[in-house]
Amino acid sequence: MEVLRPKKLETHPGDELIPWARRQLDLAREILDNPGGGLLFATQTIGQVRAALQERDLERWEEVVPILERAEDQAVHREFEDSRQLLAQAIEKLAPK
């Protein structure tokens, strides 16, 4: 067996990132305070979306990334309503340009 290099991983190319991010953040907003792992899954999801936006085009998403950072922080501190409001702001700003 010959191993050459890892395959390129492009999970959400181009503007496909936007609908994926919106769906993920909607889900996180819904389950934020659910017992049985909702908070853990929601904060991981927020972090994954934030990282994906930063990785792909930080300049384009420079307004959204700090909002997601604050939303994640508020969730960890169990300020669920504040976190939900921040997630709603981020979702609103995630529109194709």
N, C-alpha and C. Protein backbone atom coordinates (compact mmCIF):
# COMPACT_ATOMS: atom_id res chain seq x y z
N MET A 1 0.85 -1.17 0.00
CA MET A 1 0.00 0.00 0.00
C MET A 1 0.89 1.23 0.00
N GLU A 2 0.56 2.19 -0.84
CA GLU A 2 1.32 3.42 -0.93
C GLU A 2 0.45 4.58 -0.43
N VAL A 3 0.95 5.29 0.55
CA VAL A 3 0.23 6.44 1.10
C VAL A 3 0.91 7.70 0.57
N LEU A 4 0.17 8.49 -0.18
CA LEU A 4 0.75 9.67 -0.80
C LEU A 4 0.54 10.93 0.03
N ARG A 5 -0.67 11.24 0.36
CA ARG A 5 -0.99 12.42 1.15
C ARG A 5 -2.46 12.35 1.56
N PRO A 6 -2.83 13.12 2.56
CA PRO A 6 -4.25 13.11 2.95
C PRO A 6 -5.11 13.75 1.86
N LYS A 7 -6.33 13.29 1.78
CA LYS A 7 -7.27 13.89 0.83
C LYS A 7 -7.63 15.29 1.30
N LYS A 8 -7.87 16.16 0.34
CA LYS A 8 -8.31 17.51 0.67
C LYS A 8 -9.69 17.43 1.29
N LEU A 9 -9.88 18.11 2.38
CA LEU A 9 -11.16 18.10 3.07
C LEU A 9 -11.84 19.45 2.85
N GLU A 10 -12.90 19.44 2.07
CA GLU A 10 -13.66 20.66 1.80
C GLU A 10 -15.10 20.35 2.15
N THR A 11 -15.46 20.59 3.39
CA THR A 11 -16.78 20.18 3.86
C THR A 11 -17.90 21.08 3.36
N HIS A 12 -17.64 22.37 3.24
CA HIS A 12 -18.68 23.31 2.82
C HIS A 12 -18.04 24.36 1.92
N PRO A 13 -17.85 24.03 0.66
CA PRO A 13 -17.15 24.97 -0.23
C PRO A 13 -17.98 26.20 -0.55
N GLY A 14 -17.30 27.32 -0.72
CA GLY A 14 -17.93 28.56 -1.17
C GLY A 14 -19.11 28.98 -0.32
N ASP A 15 -20.17 29.39 -0.99
CA ASP A 15 -21.35 29.88 -0.28
C ASP A 15 -22.21 28.77 0.30
N GLU A 16 -21.83 27.50 0.10
CA GLU A 16 -22.54 26.41 0.77
C GLU A 16 -22.32 26.49 2.29
N LEU A 17 -21.29 27.20 2.68
CA LEU A 17 -20.99 27.39 4.09
C LEU A 17 -22.13 28.13 4.80
N ILE A 18 -22.75 29.07 4.12
CA ILE A 18 -23.75 29.93 4.76
C ILE A 18 -24.98 29.14 5.21
N PRO A 19 -25.63 28.37 4.34
CA PRO A 19 -26.80 27.61 4.83
C PRO A 19 -26.43 26.60 5.92
N TRP A 20 -25.26 25.99 5.78
CA TRP A 20 -24.80 25.05 6.81
C TRP A 20 -24.65 25.77 8.14
N ALA A 21 -23.99 26.92 8.14
CA ALA A 21 -23.76 27.68 9.38
C ALA A 21 -25.09 28.12 10.00
N ARG A 22 -26.00 28.59 9.18
CA ARG A 22 -27.31 29.04 9.69
C ARG A 22 -28.06 27.88 10.34
N ARG A 23 -28.05 26.72 9.68
CA ARG A 23 -28.74 25.54 10.25
C ARG A 23 -28.11 25.13 11.57
N GLN A 24 -26.79 25.12 11.61
CA GLN A 24 -26.10 24.72 12.83
C GLN A 24 -26.41 25.67 13.98
N LEU A 25 -26.40 26.97 13.70
CA LEU A 25 -26.67 27.95 14.75
C LEU A 25 -28.13 27.93 15.19
N ASP A 26 -29.05 27.67 14.26
CA ASP A 26 -30.46 27.50 14.64
C ASP A 26 -30.62 26.33 15.60
N LEU A 27 -29.97 25.23 15.28
CA LEU A 27 -30.03 24.05 16.14
C LEU A 27 -29.43 24.35 17.51
N ALA A 28 -28.27 24.99 17.52
CA ALA A 28 -27.63 25.33 18.80
C ALA A 28 -28.55 26.21 19.65
N ARG A 29 -29.20 27.16 19.02
CA ARG A 29 -30.10 28.08 19.73
C ARG A 29 -31.27 27.32 20.35
N GLU A 30 -31.77 26.31 19.64
CA GLU A 30 -32.91 25.54 20.13
C GLU A 30 -32.57 24.65 21.32
N ILE A 31 -31.39 24.06 21.33
CA ILE A 31 -31.07 23.05 22.35
C ILE A 31 -30.16 23.57 23.46
N LEU A 32 -29.88 24.83 23.45
CA LEU A 32 -28.91 25.42 24.37
C LEU A 32 -29.08 24.98 25.82
N ASP A 33 -30.29 25.01 26.32
CA ASP A 33 -30.49 24.68 27.73
C ASP A 33 -31.20 23.34 27.94
N ASN A 34 -31.18 22.48 26.91
CA ASN A 34 -31.78 21.15 27.07
C ASN A 34 -30.93 20.30 28.00
N PRO A 35 -31.58 19.59 28.91
CA PRO A 35 -30.82 18.68 29.78
C PRO A 35 -30.26 17.51 28.95
N GLY A 36 -29.21 16.94 29.43
CA GLY A 36 -28.66 15.77 28.77
C GLY A 36 -27.70 16.09 27.64
N GLY A 37 -26.97 17.17 27.77
CA GLY A 37 -25.94 17.44 26.78
C GLY A 37 -26.22 18.56 25.81
N GLY A 38 -27.36 19.22 25.93
CA GLY A 38 -27.68 20.31 25.02
C GLY A 38 -26.66 21.42 25.05
N LEU A 39 -26.26 21.81 26.24
CA LEU A 39 -25.28 22.90 26.38
C LEU A 39 -23.95 22.52 25.75
N LEU A 40 -23.50 21.31 26.00
CA LEU A 40 -22.23 20.85 25.44
C LEU A 40 -22.29 20.84 23.91
N PHE A 41 -23.34 20.25 23.36
CA PHE A 41 -23.46 20.18 21.91
C PHE A 41 -23.59 21.58 21.31
N ALA A 42 -24.38 22.43 21.94
CA ALA A 42 -24.60 23.79 21.42
C ALA A 42 -23.30 24.59 21.41
N THR A 43 -22.54 24.54 22.49
CA THR A 43 -21.30 25.33 22.52
C THR A 43 -20.27 24.78 21.53
N GLN A 44 -20.22 23.47 21.38
CA GLN A 44 -19.32 22.87 20.38
C GLN A 44 -19.73 23.32 18.97
N THR A 45 -21.01 23.35 18.72
CA THR A 45 -21.52 23.75 17.42
C THR A 45 -21.20 25.21 17.12
N ILE A 46 -21.42 26.07 18.10
CA ILE A 46 -21.10 27.49 17.94
C ILE A 46 -19.61 27.64 17.61
N GLY A 47 -18.77 26.94 18.35
CA GLY A 47 -17.33 27.00 18.12
C GLY A 47 -16.93 26.48 16.74
N GLN A 48 -17.58 25.43 16.28
CA GLN A 48 -17.27 24.89 14.95
C GLN A 48 -17.65 25.87 13.85
N VAL A 49 -18.80 26.51 13.99
CA VAL A 49 -19.22 27.49 12.99
C VAL A 49 -18.27 28.67 13.00
N ARG A 50 -17.94 29.15 14.18
CA ARG A 50 -17.01 30.29 14.30
C ARG A 50 -15.68 29.96 13.63
N ALA A 51 -15.16 28.78 13.92
CA ALA A 51 -13.87 28.37 13.35
C ALA A 51 -13.96 28.24 11.83
N ALA A 52 -15.05 27.71 11.33
CA ALA A 52 -15.22 27.56 9.88
C ALA A 52 -15.25 28.92 9.19
N LEU A 53 -15.95 29.87 9.79
CA LEU A 53 -16.02 31.21 9.20
C LEU A 53 -14.65 31.89 9.22
N GLN A 54 -13.97 31.77 10.34
CA GLN A 54 -12.63 32.37 10.46
C GLN A 54 -11.67 31.77 9.44
N GLU A 55 -11.74 30.47 9.31
CA GLU A 55 -10.84 29.73 8.43
C GLU A 55 -11.05 30.09 6.97
N ARG A 56 -12.30 30.23 6.58
CA ARG A 56 -12.61 30.44 5.17
C ARG A 56 -12.39 31.89 4.72
N ASP A 57 -12.87 32.86 5.53
CA ASP A 57 -12.78 34.25 5.10
C ASP A 57 -13.05 35.17 6.29
N LEU A 58 -12.03 35.37 7.11
CA LEU A 58 -12.19 36.18 8.32
C LEU A 58 -12.64 37.60 8.01
N GLU A 59 -12.11 38.16 6.94
CA GLU A 59 -12.48 39.54 6.60
C GLU A 59 -13.98 39.65 6.30
N ARG A 60 -14.50 38.69 5.57
CA ARG A 60 -15.93 38.71 5.22
C ARG A 60 -16.81 38.58 6.46
N TRP A 61 -16.36 37.80 7.42
CA TRP A 61 -17.18 37.49 8.59
C TRP A 61 -16.69 38.19 9.85
N GLU A 62 -15.97 39.28 9.70
CA GLU A 62 -15.40 39.97 10.85
C GLU A 62 -16.45 40.49 11.84
N GLU A 63 -17.67 40.72 11.39
CA GLU A 63 -18.74 41.14 12.30
C GLU A 63 -19.36 39.94 13.02
N VAL A 64 -19.41 38.82 12.36
CA VAL A 64 -20.10 37.64 12.90
C VAL A 64 -19.25 36.91 13.93
N VAL A 65 -17.96 36.78 13.68
CA VAL A 65 -17.08 35.99 14.55
C VAL A 65 -17.11 36.48 16.00
N PRO A 66 -16.98 37.78 16.27
CA PRO A 66 -17.03 38.22 17.68
C PRO A 66 -18.40 37.98 18.33
N ILE A 67 -19.45 38.07 17.54
CA ILE A 67 -20.79 37.78 18.08
C ILE A 67 -20.86 36.32 18.51
N LEU A 68 -20.32 35.42 17.69
CA LEU A 68 -20.33 34.00 18.05
C LEU A 68 -19.45 33.73 19.25
N GLU A 69 -18.34 34.43 19.37
CA GLU A 69 -17.49 34.28 20.56
C GLU A 69 -18.26 34.66 21.82
N ARG A 70 -18.98 35.77 21.74
CA ARG A 70 -19.77 36.21 22.90
C ARG A 70 -20.92 35.25 23.19
N ALA A 71 -21.57 34.75 22.14
CA ALA A 71 -22.67 33.80 22.31
C ALA A 71 -22.19 32.53 23.01
N GLU A 72 -21.02 32.05 22.59
CA GLU A 72 -20.45 30.86 23.21
C GLU A 72 -20.11 31.12 24.67
N ASP A 73 -19.52 32.25 24.95
CA ASP A 73 -19.17 32.62 26.32
C ASP A 73 -20.41 32.75 27.20
N GLN A 74 -21.44 33.39 26.68
CA GLN A 74 -22.69 33.54 27.44
C GLN A 74 -23.31 32.17 27.72
N ALA A 75 -23.25 31.28 26.76
CA ALA A 75 -23.80 29.94 26.96
C ALA A 75 -23.06 29.19 28.06
N VAL A 76 -21.74 29.27 28.03
CA VAL A 76 -20.93 28.58 29.04
C VAL A 76 -21.26 29.12 30.44
N HIS A 77 -21.56 30.40 30.52
CA HIS A 77 -21.91 31.01 31.81
C HIS A 77 -23.41 30.91 32.11
N ARG A 78 -24.09 30.08 31.34
CA ARG A 78 -25.51 29.78 31.52
C ARG A 78 -26.41 31.01 31.41
N GLU A 79 -26.00 31.95 30.61
CA GLU A 79 -26.82 33.12 30.27
C GLU A 79 -27.50 32.79 28.94
N PHE A 80 -28.48 31.87 29.02
CA PHE A 80 -29.05 31.29 27.82
C PHE A 80 -29.79 32.30 26.95
N GLU A 81 -30.56 33.18 27.56
CA GLU A 81 -31.32 34.15 26.77
C GLU A 81 -30.39 35.10 26.02
N ASP A 82 -29.34 35.57 26.71
CA ASP A 82 -28.36 36.44 26.04
C ASP A 82 -27.69 35.70 24.89
N SER A 83 -27.34 34.44 25.12
CA SER A 83 -26.70 33.65 24.08
C SER A 83 -27.63 33.47 22.88
N ARG A 84 -28.90 33.20 23.14
CA ARG A 84 -29.86 33.05 22.05
C ARG A 84 -30.01 34.33 21.24
N GLN A 85 -30.03 35.46 21.92
CA GLN A 85 -30.13 36.74 21.21
C GLN A 85 -28.90 36.98 20.33
N LEU A 86 -27.73 36.65 20.84
CA LEU A 86 -26.50 36.80 20.05
C LEU A 86 -26.50 35.85 18.86
N LEU A 87 -26.98 34.64 19.07
CA LEU A 87 -27.06 33.69 17.95
C LEU A 87 -28.02 34.20 16.88
N ALA A 88 -29.14 34.79 17.30
CA ALA A 88 -30.08 35.36 16.33
C ALA A 88 -29.42 36.48 15.53
N GLN A 89 -28.62 37.31 16.19
CA GLN A 89 -27.89 38.37 15.49
C GLN A 89 -26.92 37.78 14.46
N ALA A 90 -26.21 36.76 14.88
CA ALA A 90 -25.23 36.13 13.98
C ALA A 90 -25.93 35.51 12.77
N ILE A 91 -27.03 34.84 13.00
CA ILE A 91 -27.78 34.21 11.91
C ILE A 91 -28.25 35.27 10.92
N GLU A 92 -28.73 36.38 11.45
CA GLU A 92 -29.20 37.47 10.60
C GLU A 92 -28.06 38.02 9.72
N LYS A 93 -26.86 38.09 10.28
CA LYS A 93 -25.70 38.62 9.53
C LYS A 93 -25.12 37.62 8.55
N LEU A 94 -25.51 36.35 8.69
CA LEU A 94 -25.02 35.32 7.77
C LEU A 94 -25.88 35.29 6.52
N ALA A 95 -25.70 36.24 5.69
CA ALA A 95 -26.43 36.31 4.43
C ALA A 95 -25.43 36.35 3.29
N PRO A 96 -25.74 35.70 2.19
CA PRO A 96 -24.81 35.72 1.05
C PRO A 96 -24.57 37.16 0.57
N LYS A 97 -23.34 37.42 0.19
CA LYS A 97 -23.00 38.74 -0.36
C LYS A 97 -22.82 38.66 -1.85
